[in-house]
PDB file of N, CA and C in Angstrom:
ATOM      1  N   MET A   1     137.209  88.716  94.822  1.00  0.00           N
ATOM      2  CA  MET A   1     137.568  89.878  95.609  1.00  0.00           C
ATOM      3  C   MET A   1     136.876  91.133  95.077  1.00  0.00           C
ATOM      4  N   ALA A   2     136.762  91.260  93.747  1.00  0.00           N
ATOM      5  CA  ALA A   2     136.116  92.435  93.165  1.00  0.00           C
ATOM      6  C   ALA A   2     134.646  92.487  93.573  1.00  0.00           C
ATOM      7  N   MET A   3     133.974  91.334  93.655  1.00  0.00           N
ATOM      8  CA  MET A   3     132.570  91.288  94.057  1.00  0.00           C
ATOM      9  C   MET A   3     132.424  91.770  95.497  1.00  0.00           C
ATOM     10  N   GLU A   4     133.310  91.366  96.374  1.00  0.00           N
ATOM     11  CA  GLU A   4     133.275  91.790  97.777  1.00  0.00           C
ATOM     12  C   GLU A   4     133.490  93.296  97.875  1.00  0.00           C
ATOM     13  N   HIS A   5     134.393  93.855  97.065  1.00  0.00           N
ATOM     14  CA  HIS A   5     134.647  95.301  97.049  1.00  0.00           C
ATOM     15  C   HIS A   5     133.396  96.061  96.605  1.00  0.00           C
ATOM     16  N   SER A   6     132.683  95.541  95.606  1.00  0.00           N
ATOM     17  CA  SER A   6     131.454  96.175  95.121  1.00  0.00           C
ATOM     18  C   SER A   6     130.381  96.184  96.199  1.00  0.00           C
ATOM     19  N   LYS A   7     130.236  95.074  96.931  1.00  0.00           N
ATOM     20  CA  LYS A   7     129.251  95.016  98.010  1.00  0.00           C
ATOM     21  C   LYS A   7     129.576  96.044  99.084  1.00  0.00           C
ATOM     22  N   THR A   8     130.849  96.177  99.431  1.00  0.00           N
ATOM     23  CA  THR A   8     131.264  97.144 100.440  1.00  0.00           C
ATOM     24  C   THR A   8     130.963  98.558  99.991  1.00  0.00           C
ATOM     25  N   LEU A   9     131.236  98.879  98.733  1.00  0.00           N
ATOM     26  CA  LEU A   9     130.971 100.208  98.201  1.00  0.00           C
ATOM     27  C   LEU A   9     129.482 100.523  98.243  1.00  0.00           C
ATOM     28  N   ILE A  10     128.645  99.569  97.862  1.00  0.00           N
ATOM     29  CA  ILE A  10     127.193  99.776  97.895  1.00  0.00           C
ATOM     30  C   ILE A  10     126.722  99.991  99.328  1.00  0.00           C
ATOM     31  N   ILE A  11     127.223  99.214 100.259  1.00  0.00           N
ATOM     32  CA  ILE A  11     126.841  99.370 101.661  1.00  0.00           C
ATOM     33  C   ILE A  11     127.249 100.745 102.177  1.00  0.00           C
ATOM     34  N   LEU A  12     128.445 101.196 101.841  1.00  0.00           N
ATOM     35  CA  LEU A  12     128.897 102.520 102.275  1.00  0.00           C
ATOM     36  C   LEU A  12     128.032 103.626 101.690  1.00  0.00           C
ATOM     37  N   ILE A  13     127.668 103.518 100.432  1.00  0.00           N
ATOM     38  CA  ILE A  13     126.803 104.533  99.809  1.00  0.00           C
ATOM     39  C   ILE A  13     125.460 104.561 100.521  1.00  0.00           C
ATOM     40  N   LEU A  14     124.897 103.403 100.822  1.00  0.00           N
ATOM     41  CA  LEU A  14     123.613 103.342 101.503  1.00  0.00           C
ATOM     42  C   LEU A  14     123.706 103.897 102.922  1.00  0.00           C
ATOM     43  N   MET A  15     124.808 103.632 103.604  1.00  0.00           N
ATOM     44  CA  MET A  15     124.978 104.108 104.968  1.00  0.00           C
ATOM     45  C   MET A  15     125.079 105.628 105.036  1.00  0.00           C
ATOM     46  N   PHE A  16     125.719 106.253 104.076  1.00  0.00           N
ATOM     47  CA  PHE A  16     125.956 107.684 104.134  1.00  0.00           C
ATOM     48  C   PHE A  16     124.977 108.499 103.304  1.00  0.00           C
ATOM     49  N   SER A  17     124.042 107.866 102.645  1.00  0.00           N
ATOM     50  CA  SER A  17     123.030 108.582 101.880  1.00  0.00           C
ATOM     51  C   SER A  17     121.979 109.112 102.845  1.00  0.00           C
ATOM     52  N   THR A  18     121.650 110.395 102.733  1.00  0.00           N
ATOM     53  CA  THR A  18     120.634 110.976 103.603  1.00  0.00           C
ATOM     54  C   THR A  18     119.262 110.945 102.959  1.00  0.00           C
ATOM     55  N   GLN A  19     119.167 110.471 101.739  1.00  0.00           N
ATOM     56  CA  GLN A  19     117.906 110.439 101.018  1.00  0.00           C
ATOM     57  C   GLN A  19     117.541 108.998 100.687  1.00  0.00           C
ATOM     58  N   PRO A  20     116.240 108.728 100.525  1.00  0.00           N
ATOM     59  CA  PRO A  20     115.843 107.359 100.174  1.00  0.00           C
ATOM     60  C   PRO A  20     116.418 106.926  98.834  1.00  0.00           C
ATOM     61  N   VAL A  21     116.804 105.695  98.755  1.00  0.00           N
ATOM     62  CA  VAL A  21     117.270 105.115  97.503  1.00  0.00           C
ATOM     63  C   VAL A  21     116.182 104.163  97.037  1.00  0.00           C
ATOM     64  N   LEU A  22     115.615 104.423  95.861  1.00  0.00           N
ATOM     65  CA  LEU A  22     114.475 103.632  95.408  1.00  0.00           C
ATOM     66  C   LEU A  22     114.875 102.504  94.473  1.00  0.00           C
ATOM     67  N   SER A  23     115.922 102.672  93.683  1.00  0.00           N
ATOM     68  CA  SER A  23     116.351 101.601  92.793  1.00  0.00           C
ATOM     69  C   SER A  23     117.752 101.916  92.295  1.00  0.00           C
ATOM     70  N   ILE A  24     118.379 100.923  91.666  1.00  0.00           N
ATOM     71  CA  ILE A  24     119.715 101.157  91.113  1.00  0.00           C
ATOM     72  C   ILE A  24     119.679 101.132  89.597  1.00  0.00           C
ATOM     73  N   GLN A  25     118.478 101.285  89.022  1.00  0.00           N
ATOM     74  CA  GLN A  25     118.329 101.207  87.574  1.00  0.00           C
ATOM     75  C   GLN A  25     118.343 102.595  86.957  1.00  0.00           C
ATOM     76  N   CYS A  26     119.497 103.260  87.020  1.00  0.00           N
ATOM     77  CA  CYS A  26     119.587 104.584  86.395  1.00  0.00           C
ATOM     78  C   CYS A  26     121.019 104.844  85.941  1.00  0.00           C
ATOM     79  N   GLN A  27     121.152 105.778  85.025  1.00  0.00           N
ATOM     80  CA  GLN A  27     122.452 106.200  84.518  1.00  0.00           C
ATOM     81  C   GLN A  27     122.818 107.517  85.197  1.00  0.00           C
ATOM     82  N   ASP A  28     124.058 107.655  85.606  1.00  0.00           N
ATOM     83  CA  ASP A  28     124.501 108.900  86.242  1.00  0.00           C
ATOM     84  C   ASP A  28     124.079 110.111  85.415  1.00  0.00           C
ATOM     85  N   GLY A  29     123.531 111.105  86.103  1.00  0.00           N
ATOM     86  CA  GLY A  29     123.085 112.324  85.437  1.00  0.00           C
ATOM     87  C   GLY A  29     121.612 112.310  85.080  1.00  0.00           C
ATOM     88  N   ASP A  30     120.977 111.116  85.075  1.00  0.00           N
ATOM     89  CA  ASP A  30     119.541 111.049  84.786  1.00  0.00           C
ATOM     90  C   ASP A  30     118.756 111.724  85.905  1.00  0.00           C
ATOM     91  N   THR A  31     117.585 112.228  85.565  1.00  0.00           N
ATOM     92  CA  THR A  31     116.668 112.779  86.563  1.00  0.00           C
ATOM     93  C   THR A  31     115.287 112.201  86.320  1.00  0.00           C
ATOM     94  N   ARG A  32     114.476 112.202  87.364  1.00  0.00           N
ATOM     95  CA  ARG A  32     113.071 111.837  87.227  1.00  0.00           C
ATOM     96  C   ARG A  32     112.270 112.672  88.213  1.00  0.00           C
ATOM     97  N   SER A  33     111.041 112.962  87.828  1.00  0.00           N
ATOM     98  CA  SER A  33     110.195 113.828  88.645  1.00  0.00           C
ATOM     99  C   SER A  33     109.005 113.063  89.185  1.00  0.00           C
ATOM    100  N   GLY A  34     108.470 113.557  90.274  1.00  0.00           N
ATOM    101  CA  GLY A  34     107.292 112.975  90.896  1.00  0.00           C
ATOM    102  C   GLY A  34     106.853 113.869  92.040  1.00  0.00           C
ATOM    103  N   TYR A  35     106.022 113.331  92.907  1.00  0.00           N
ATOM    104  CA  TYR A  35     105.465 114.099  94.014  1.00  0.00           C
ATOM    105  C   TYR A  35     105.903 113.488  95.341  1.00  0.00           C
ATOM    106  N   PRO A  36     106.253 114.322  96.328  1.00  0.00           N
ATOM    107  CA  PRO A  36     106.727 113.792  97.602  1.00  0.00           C
ATOM    108  C   PRO A  36     105.631 113.158  98.452  1.00  0.00           C
ATOM    109  N   SER A  37     104.376 113.356  98.060  1.00  0.00           N
ATOM    110  CA  SER A  37     103.254 112.771  98.791  1.00  0.00           C
ATOM    111  C   SER A  37     102.155 112.414  97.788  1.00  0.00           C
ATOM    112  N   PRO A  38     101.459 111.295  97.991  1.00  0.00           N
ATOM    113  CA  PRO A  38     100.392 110.944  97.059  1.00  0.00           C
ATOM    114  C   PRO A  38      99.096 111.720  97.321  1.00  0.00           C
ATOM    115  N   ILE A  39      99.024 112.407  98.478  1.00  0.00           N
ATOM    116  CA  ILE A  39      97.795 113.126  98.816  1.00  0.00           C
ATOM    117  C   ILE A  39      98.132 114.370  99.633  1.00  0.00           C
ATOM    118  N   VAL A  40      97.440 115.460  99.342  1.00  0.00           N
ATOM    119  CA  VAL A  40      97.545 116.699 100.117  1.00  0.00           C
ATOM    120  C   VAL A  40      96.129 117.159 100.440  1.00  0.00           C
ATOM    121  N   ASN A  41      96.002 118.081 101.379  1.00  0.00           N
ATOM    122  CA  ASN A  41      94.679 118.540 101.790  1.00  0.00           C
ATOM    123  C   ASN A  41      94.607 120.055 101.883  1.00  0.00           C
ATOM    124  N   GLY A  42      93.382 120.562 101.791  1.00  0.00           N
ATOM    125  CA  GLY A  42      93.145 121.981 101.976  1.00  0.00           C
ATOM    126  C   GLY A  42      93.914 122.847 101.009  1.00  0.00           C
ATOM    127  N   PHE A  43      94.672 123.810 101.560  1.00  0.00           N
ATOM    128  CA  PHE A  43      95.433 124.751 100.746  1.00  0.00           C
ATOM    129  C   PHE A  43      96.701 124.138 100.154  1.00  0.00           C
ATOM    130  N   GLU A  44      97.099 122.951 100.630  1.00  0.00           N
ATOM    131  CA  GLU A  44      98.327 122.339 100.125  1.00  0.00           C
ATOM    132  C   GLU A  44      98.211 122.066  98.633  1.00  0.00           C
ATOM    133  N   GLN A  45      99.331 122.178  97.944  1.00  0.00           N
ATOM    134  CA  GLN A  45      99.350 121.929  96.515  1.00  0.00           C
ATOM    135  C   GLN A  45     100.262 120.747  96.209  1.00  0.00           C
ATOM    136  N   CYS A  46      99.990 120.096  95.107  1.00  0.00           N
ATOM    137  CA  CYS A  46     100.860 119.029  94.623  1.00  0.00           C
ATOM    138  C   CYS A  46     102.026 119.698  93.896  1.00  0.00           C
ATOM    139  N   ILE A  47     103.212 119.637  94.489  1.00  0.00           N
ATOM    140  CA  ILE A  47     104.386 120.282  93.914  1.00  0.00           C
ATOM    141  C   ILE A  47     105.375 119.205  93.480  1.00  0.00           C
ATOM    142  N   GLU A  48     105.702 119.236  92.195  1.00  0.00           N
ATOM    143  CA  GLU A  48     106.607 118.240  91.633  1.00  0.00           C
ATOM    144  C   GLU A  48     108.025 118.449  92.155  1.00  0.00           C
ATOM    145  N   GLN A  49     108.722 117.343  92.442  1.00  0.00           N
ATOM    146  CA  GLN A  49     110.117 117.371  92.864  1.00  0.00           C
ATOM    147  C   GLN A  49     110.921 116.414  91.991  1.00  0.00           C
ATOM    148  N   THR A  50     112.245 116.461  92.126  1.00  0.00           N
ATOM    149  CA  THR A  50     113.121 115.705  91.237  1.00  0.00           C
ATOM    150  C   THR A  50     114.108 114.851  92.023  1.00  0.00           C
ATOM    151  N   GLN A  51     114.379 113.660  91.496  1.00  0.00           N
ATOM    152  CA  GLN A  51     115.466 112.808  91.971  1.00  0.00           C
ATOM    153  C   GLN A  51     116.577 112.841  90.928  1.00  0.00           C
ATOM    154  N   PHE A  52     117.805 112.656  91.397  1.00  0.00           N
ATOM    155  CA  PHE A  52     118.971 112.639  90.520  1.00  0.00           C
ATOM    156  C   PHE A  52     119.674 111.304  90.654  1.00  0.00           C
ATOM    157  N   CYS A  53     120.211 110.811  89.538  1.00  0.00           N
ATOM    158  CA  CYS A  53     120.955 109.561  89.560  1.00  0.00           C
ATOM    159  C   CYS A  53     122.424 109.862  89.832  1.00  0.00           C
ATOM    160  N   PHE A  54     122.975 109.205  90.854  1.00  0.00           N
ATOM    161  CA  PHE A  54     124.387 109.358  91.199  1.00  0.00           C
ATOM    162  C   PHE A  54     124.936 107.985  91.542  1.00  0.00           C
ATOM    163  N   ASN A  55     125.975 107.575  90.848  1.00  0.00           N
ATOM    164  CA  ASN A  55     126.591 106.256  91.047  1.00  0.00           C
ATOM    165  C   ASN A  55     125.570 105.122  90.893  1.00  0.00           C
ATOM    166  N   GLY A  56     124.624 105.288  89.954  1.00  0.00           N
ATOM    167  CA  GLY A  56     123.659 104.236  89.677  1.00  0.00           C
ATOM    168  C   GLY A  56     122.466 104.181  90.612  1.00  0.00           C
ATOM    169  N   PHE A  57     122.384 105.114  91.568  1.00  0.00           N
ATOM    170  CA  PHE A  57     121.288 105.131  92.539  1.00  0.00           C
ATOM    171  C   PHE A  57     120.463 106.404  92.393  1.00  0.00           C
ATOM    172  N   TRP A  58     119.148 106.292  92.576  1.00  0.00           N
ATOM    173  CA  TRP A  58     118.282 107.466  92.610  1.00  0.00           C
ATOM    174  C   TRP A  58     118.414 108.105  93.980  1.00  0.00           C
ATOM    175  N   ASN A  59     118.715 109.390  94.003  1.00  0.00           N
ATOM    176  CA  ASN A  59     118.852 110.138  95.244  1.00  0.00           C
ATOM    177  C   ASN A  59     117.882 111.307  95.239  1.00  0.00           C
ATOM    178  N   GLY A  60     117.337 111.599  96.383  1.00  0.00           N
ATOM    179  CA  GLY A  60     116.384 112.688  96.519  1.00  0.00           C
ATOM    180  C   GLY A  60     115.199 112.215  97.325  1.00  0.00           C
ATOM    181  N   PRO A  61     114.154 113.028  97.377  1.00  0.00           N
ATOM    182  CA  PRO A  61     112.990 112.647  98.180  1.00  0.00           C
ATOM    183  C   PRO A  61     112.288 111.435  97.581  1.00  0.00           C
ATOM    184  N   GLU A  62     111.622 110.668  98.430  1.00  0.00           N
ATOM    185  CA  GLU A  62     110.799 109.567  97.934  1.00  0.00           C
ATOM    186  C   GLU A  62     109.726 110.181  97.047  1.00  0.00           C
ATOM    187  N   LEU A  63     109.490 109.578  95.891  1.00  0.00           N
ATOM    188  CA  LEU A  63     108.554 110.158  94.930  1.00  0.00           C
ATOM    189  C   LEU A  63     107.405 109.212  94.611  1.00  0.00           C
ATOM    190  N   TYR A  64     106.257 109.822  94.339  1.00  0.00           N
ATOM    191  CA  TYR A  64     105.071 109.103  93.884  1.00  0.00           C
ATOM    192  C   TYR A  64     104.729 109.620  92.492  1.00  0.00           C
ATOM    193  N   SER A  65     104.144 108.789  91.669  1.00  0.00           N
ATOM    194  CA  SER A  65     103.833 109.193  90.299  1.00  0.00           C
ATOM    195  C   SER A  65     102.568 110.038  90.217  1.00  0.00           C
ATOM    196  N   TYR A  66     101.846 110.162  91.312  1.00  0.00           N
ATOM    197  CA  TYR A  66     100.593 110.918  91.312  1.00  0.00           C
ATOM    198  C   TYR A  66     100.468 111.707  92.610  1.00  0.00           C
ATOM    199  N   CYS A  67      99.577 112.687  92.606  1.00  0.00           N
ATOM    200  CA  CYS A  67      99.247 113.450  93.796  1.00  0.00           C
ATOM    201  C   CYS A  67      97.825 113.949  93.636  1.00  0.00           C
ATOM    202  N   ASP A  68      97.049 113.880  94.707  1.00  0.00           N
ATOM    203  CA  ASP A  68      95.652 114.288  94.639  1.00  0.00           C
ATOM    204  C   ASP A  68      95.302 115.107  95.877  1.00  0.00           C
ATOM    205  N   ASN A  69      94.424 116.093  95.706  1.00  0.00           N
ATOM    206  CA  ASN A  69      93.881 116.860  96.805  1.00  0.00           C
ATOM    207  C   ASN A  69      92.384 116.557  96.848  1.00  0.00           C
ATOM    208  N   PRO A  70      91.948 115.665  97.763  1.00  0.00           N
ATOM    209  CA  PRO A  70      90.559 115.233  97.775  1.00  0.00           C
ATOM    210  C   PRO A  70      89.576 116.251  98.343  1.00  0.00           C
ATOM    211  N   THR A  71      90.072 117.290  99.021  1.00  0.00           N
ATOM    212  CA  THR A  71      89.150 118.291  99.547  1.00  0.00           C
ATOM    213  C   THR A  71      88.611 119.117  98.394  1.00  0.00           C
ATOM    214  N   GLU A  72      87.319 119.370  98.418  1.00  0.00           N
ATOM    215  CA  GLU A  72      86.681 120.072  97.314  1.00  0.00           C
ATOM    216  C   GLU A  72      86.694 121.574  97.541  1.00  0.00           C
ATOM    217  N   SER A  73      86.758 122.312  96.447  1.00  0.00           N
ATOM    218  CA  SER A  73      86.739 123.764  96.524  1.00  0.00           C
ATOM    219  C   SER A  73      85.315 124.272  96.349  1.00  0.00           C
ATOM    220  N   CYS A  74      85.115 125.547  96.674  1.00  0.00           N
ATOM    221  CA  CYS A  74      83.834 126.231  96.473  1.00  0.00           C
ATOM    222  C   CYS A  74      84.018 127.121  95.251  1.00  0.00           C
ATOM    223  N   ASP A  75      83.590 126.656  94.105  1.00  0.00           N
ATOM    224  CA  ASP A  75      83.831 127.346  92.831  1.00  0.00           C
ATOM    225  C   ASP A  75      85.331 127.531  92.665  1.00  0.00           C
ATOM    226  N   THR A  76      85.829 128.755  92.703  1.00  0.00           N
ATOM    227  CA  THR A  76      87.274 128.991  92.538  1.00  0.00           C
ATOM    228  C   THR A  76      87.994 129.139  93.871  1.00  0.00           C
ATOM    229  N   ALA A  77      87.272 129.123  94.986  1.00  0.00           N
ATOM    230  CA  ALA A  77      87.886 129.276  96.314  1.00  0.00           C
ATOM    231  C   ALA A  77      88.260 127.896  96.859  1.00  0.00           C
ATOM    232  N   PRO A  78      89.531 127.689  97.197  1.00  0.00           N
ATOM    233  CA  PRO A  78      89.945 126.390  97.724  1.00  0.00           C
ATOM    234  C   PRO A  78      89.373 126.107  99.106  1.00  0.00           C
ATOM    235  N   HIS A  79      89.312 124.853  99.455  1.00  0.00           N
ATOM    236  CA  HIS A  79      88.897 124.406 100.791  1.00  0.00           C
ATOM    237  C   HIS A  79      89.664 125.209 101.840  1.00  0.00           C
ATOM    238  N   GLY A  80      88.960 125.699 102.850  1.00  0.00           N
ATOM    239  CA  GLY A  80      89.598 126.464 103.921  1.00  0.00           C
ATOM    240  C   GLY A  80      89.572 127.967 103.697  1.00  0.00           C
ATOM    241  N   SER A  81      89.157 128.407 102.508  1.00  0.00           N
ATOM    242  CA  SER A  81      89.107 129.841 102.219  1.00  0.00           C
ATOM    243  C   SER A  81      88.038 130.515 103.077  1.00  0.00           C
ATOM    244  N   VAL A  82      88.300 131.766 103.445  1.00  0.00           N
ATOM    245  CA  VAL A  82      87.346 132.567 104.211  1.00  0.00           C
ATOM    246  C   VAL A  82      86.992 133.797 103.388  1.00  0.00           C
ATOM    247  N   GLU A  83      85.692 134.070 103.265  1.00  0.00           N
ATOM    248  CA  GLU A  83      85.205 135.267 102.572  1.00  0.00           C
ATOM    249  C   GLU A  83      84.583 136.207 103.587  1.00  0.00           C
ATOM    250  N   PHE A  84      84.725 137.517 103.351  1.00  0.00           N
ATOM    251  CA  PHE A  84      84.146 138.534 104.217  1.00  0.00           C
ATOM    252  C   PHE A  84      83.196 139.395 103.401  1.00  0.00           C
ATOM    253  N   GLY A  85      82.145 139.879 104.029  1.00  0.00           N
ATOM    254  CA  GLY A  85      81.196 140.747 103.352  1.00  0.00           C
ATOM    255  C   GLY A  85      80.101 141.193 104.299  1.00  0.00           C
ATOM    256  N   PHE A  86      78.974 141.558 103.707  1.00  0.00           N
ATOM    257  CA  PHE A  86      77.823 142.019 104.483  1.00  0.00           C
ATOM    258  C   PHE A  86      76.683 141.020 104.342  1.00  0.00           C
ATOM    259  N   THR A  87      75.814 140.969 105.363  1.00  0.00           N
ATOM    260  CA  THR A  87      74.709 140.010 105.348  1.00  0.00           C
ATOM    261  C   THR A  87      73.514 140.494 104.530  1.00  0.00           C
ATOM    262  N   SER A  88      73.524 141.766 104.130  1.00  0.00           N
ATOM    263  CA  SER A  88      72.434 142.280 103.298  1.00  0.00           C
ATOM    264  C   SER A  88      72.959 143.384 102.387  1.00  0.00           C
ATOM    265  N   LEU A  89      72.139 143.749 101.407  1.00  0.00           N
ATOM    266  CA  LEU A  89      72.516 144.815 100.468  1.00  0.00           C
ATOM    267  C   LEU A  89      72.174 146.206 100.994  1.00  0.00           C
ATOM    268  N   SER A  90      71.298 146.277 101.992  1.00  0.00           N
ATOM    269  CA  SER A  90      70.890 147.580 102.530  1.00  0.00           C
ATOM    270  C   SER A  90      70.859 147.535 104.057  1.00  0.00           C
ATOM    271  N   ALA A  91      70.796 148.715 104.672  1.00  0.00           N
ATOM    272  CA  ALA A  91      70.838 148.840 106.133  1.00  0.00           C
ATOM    273  C   ALA A  91      69.699 148.040 106.766  1.00  0.00           C
ATOM    274  N   PRO A  92      69.949 147.505 107.934  1.00  0.00           N
ATOM    275  CA  PRO A  92      71.170 147.629 108.717  1.00  0.00           C
ATOM    276  C   PRO A  92      72.288 146.759 108.126  1.00  0.00           C
ATOM    277  N   CYS A  93      73.506 147.269 108.164  1.00  0.00           N
ATOM    278  CA  CYS A  93      74.663 146.594 107.554  1.00  0.00           C
ATOM    279  C   CYS A  93      75.467 145.861 108.620  1.00  0.00           C
ATOM    280  N   PHE A  94      75.533 144.556 108.513  1.00  0.00           N
ATOM    281  CA  PHE A  94      76.309 143.743 109.442  1.00  0.00           C
ATOM    282  C   PHE A  94      77.400 143.011 108.671  1.00  0.00           C
ATOM    283  N   LYS A  95      78.624 143.110 109.189  1.00  0.00           N
ATOM    284  CA  LYS A  95      79.743 142.382 108.575  1.00  0.00           C
ATOM    285  C   LYS A  95      79.699 140.928 109.042  1.00  0.00           C
ATOM    286  N   ALA A  96      80.107 140.032 108.137  1.00  0.00           N
ATOM    287  CA  ALA A  96      80.116 138.608 108.459  1.00  0.00           C
ATOM    288  C   ALA A  96      81.161 137.904 107.603  1.00  0.00           C
ATOM    289  N   SER A  97      81.361 136.634 107.883  1.00  0.00           N
ATOM    290  CA  SER A  97      82.290 135.821 107.089  1.00  0.00           C
ATOM    291  C   SER A  97      81.700 134.434 106.911  1.00  0.00           C
ATOM    292  N   ARG A  98      82.268 133.711 105.957  1.00  0.00           N
ATOM    293  CA  ARG A  98      81.911 132.315 105.737  1.00  0.00           C
ATOM    294  C   ARG A  98      83.164 131.572 105.288  1.00  0.00           C
ATOM    295  N   THR A  99      83.175 130.265 105.524  1.00  0.00           N
ATOM    296  CA  THR A  99      84.341 129.438 105.236  1.00  0.00           C
ATOM    297  C   THR A  99      83.965 128.307 104.290  1.00  0.00           C
ATOM    298  N   CYS A 100      84.836 128.040 103.334  1.00  0.00           N
ATOM    299  CA  CYS A 100      84.630 126.918 102.418  1.00  0.00           C
ATOM    300  C   CYS A 100      85.127 125.634 103.095  1.00  0.00           C
ATOM    301  N   ILE A 101      84.222 124.689 103.297  1.00  0.00           N
ATOM    302  CA  ILE A 101      84.583 123.414 103.912  1.00  0.00           C
ATOM    303  C   ILE A 101      84.124 122.299 102.974  1.00  0.00           C
ATOM    304  N   ASP A 102      85.100 121.632 102.373  1.00  0.00           N
ATOM    305  CA  ASP A 102      84.841 120.516 101.448  1.00  0.00           C
ATOM    306  C   ASP A 102      83.771 120.835 100.407  1.00  0.00           C
ATOM    307  N   GLY A 103      83.899 121.999  99.783  1.00  0.00           N
ATOM    308  CA  GLY A 103      83.018 122.346  98.674  1.00  0.00           C
ATOM    309  C   GLY A 103      81.719 123.018  99.054  1.00  0.00           C
ATOM    310  N   VAL A 104      81.517 123.292 100.347  1.00  0.00           N
ATOM    311  CA  VAL A 104      80.282 123.927 100.806  1.00  0.00           C
ATOM    312  C   VAL A 104      80.632 125.158 101.636  1.00  0.00           C
ATOM    313  N   TRP A 105      79.987 126.296 101.311  1.00  0.00           N
ATOM    314  CA  TRP A 105      80.193 127.509 102.097  1.00  0.00           C
ATOM    315  C   TRP A 105      79.478 127.363 103.436  1.00  0.00           C
ATOM    316  N   ASN A 106      80.205 127.545 104.524  1.00  0.00           N
ATOM    317  CA  ASN A 106      79.660 127.465 105.870  1.00  0.00           C
ATOM    318  C   ASN A 106      79.534 128.886 106.403  1.00  0.00           C
ATOM    319  N   GLY A 107      78.307 129.398 106.446  1.00  0.00           N
ATOM    320  CA  GLY A 107      78.057 130.760 106.895  1.00  0.00           C
ATOM    321  C   GLY A 107      76.980 131.389 106.036  1.00  0.00           C
ATOM    322  N   PRO A 108      76.644 132.659 106.329  1.00  0.00           N
ATOM    323  CA  PRO A 108      75.552 133.316 105.602  1.00  0.00           C
ATOM    324  C   PRO A 108      75.941 133.715 104.188  1.00  0.00           C
ATOM    325  N   GLU A 109      74.927 133.949 103.362  1.00  0.00           N
ATOM    326  CA  GLU A 109      75.163 134.525 102.036  1.00  0.00           C
ATOM    327  C   GLU A 109      75.763 135.908 102.264  1.00  0.00           C
ATOM    328  N   LEU A 110      76.760 136.270 101.479  1.00  0.00           N
ATOM    329  CA  LEU A 110      77.448 137.554 101.665  1.00  0.00           C
ATOM    330  C   LEU A 110      77.323 138.441 100.439  1.00  0.00           C
ATOM    331  N   PHE A 111      77.359 139.743 100.691  1.00  0.00           N
ATOM    332  CA  PHE A 111      77.309 140.753  99.646  1.00  0.00           C
ATOM    333  C   PHE A 111      78.528 141.654  99.782  1.00  0.00           C
ATOM    334  N   ASP A 112      79.042 142.142  98.631  1.00  0.00           N
ATOM    335  CA  ASP A 112      80.228 142.998  98.643  1.00  0.00           C
ATOM    336  C   ASP A 112      79.951 144.377  99.215  1.00  0.00           C
ATOM    337  N   VAL A 113      78.731 144.882  99.003  1.00  0.00           N
ATOM    338  CA  VAL A 113      78.380 146.233  99.463  1.00  0.00           C
ATOM    339  C   VAL A 113      77.076 146.198 100.239  1.00  0.00           C
ATOM    340  N   CYS A 114      76.922 147.182 101.101  1.00  0.00           N
ATOM    341  CA  CYS A 114      75.689 147.373 101.829  1.00  0.00           C
ATOM    342  C   CYS A 114      75.469 148.879 101.921  1.00  0.00           C
ATOM    343  N   GLU A 115      74.296 149.336 101.484  1.00  0.00           N
ATOM    344  CA  GLU A 115      74.018 150.788 101.471  1.00  0.00           C
ATOM    345  C   GLU A 115      72.904 151.140 102.411  1.00  0.00           C
TER     346      GLU A 115
END
């Protein structure tokens, strides 16, 4: 009878849990960290999140042990960044922009000033 009661309790916990349950190998109060997605793109960042152990179950967002952003940046500018400037250092002065796309600037060479 005790075994049947335990099965019912586990089923009820699973039915009313709003978060994924990944395993039952934890002690109440334990926490573990990971990433909610194994891959992000562009301006997205890999942000660590935490699961908590409650009644022997891990509760919280599904977690991955790694996270990668495969889009390449342009020096220190992340993928998708837009730069504004001038197309030359001297007159005539035309404003322009360029966009970083997978590690390559798409657009003209830009200058901060034009005189």
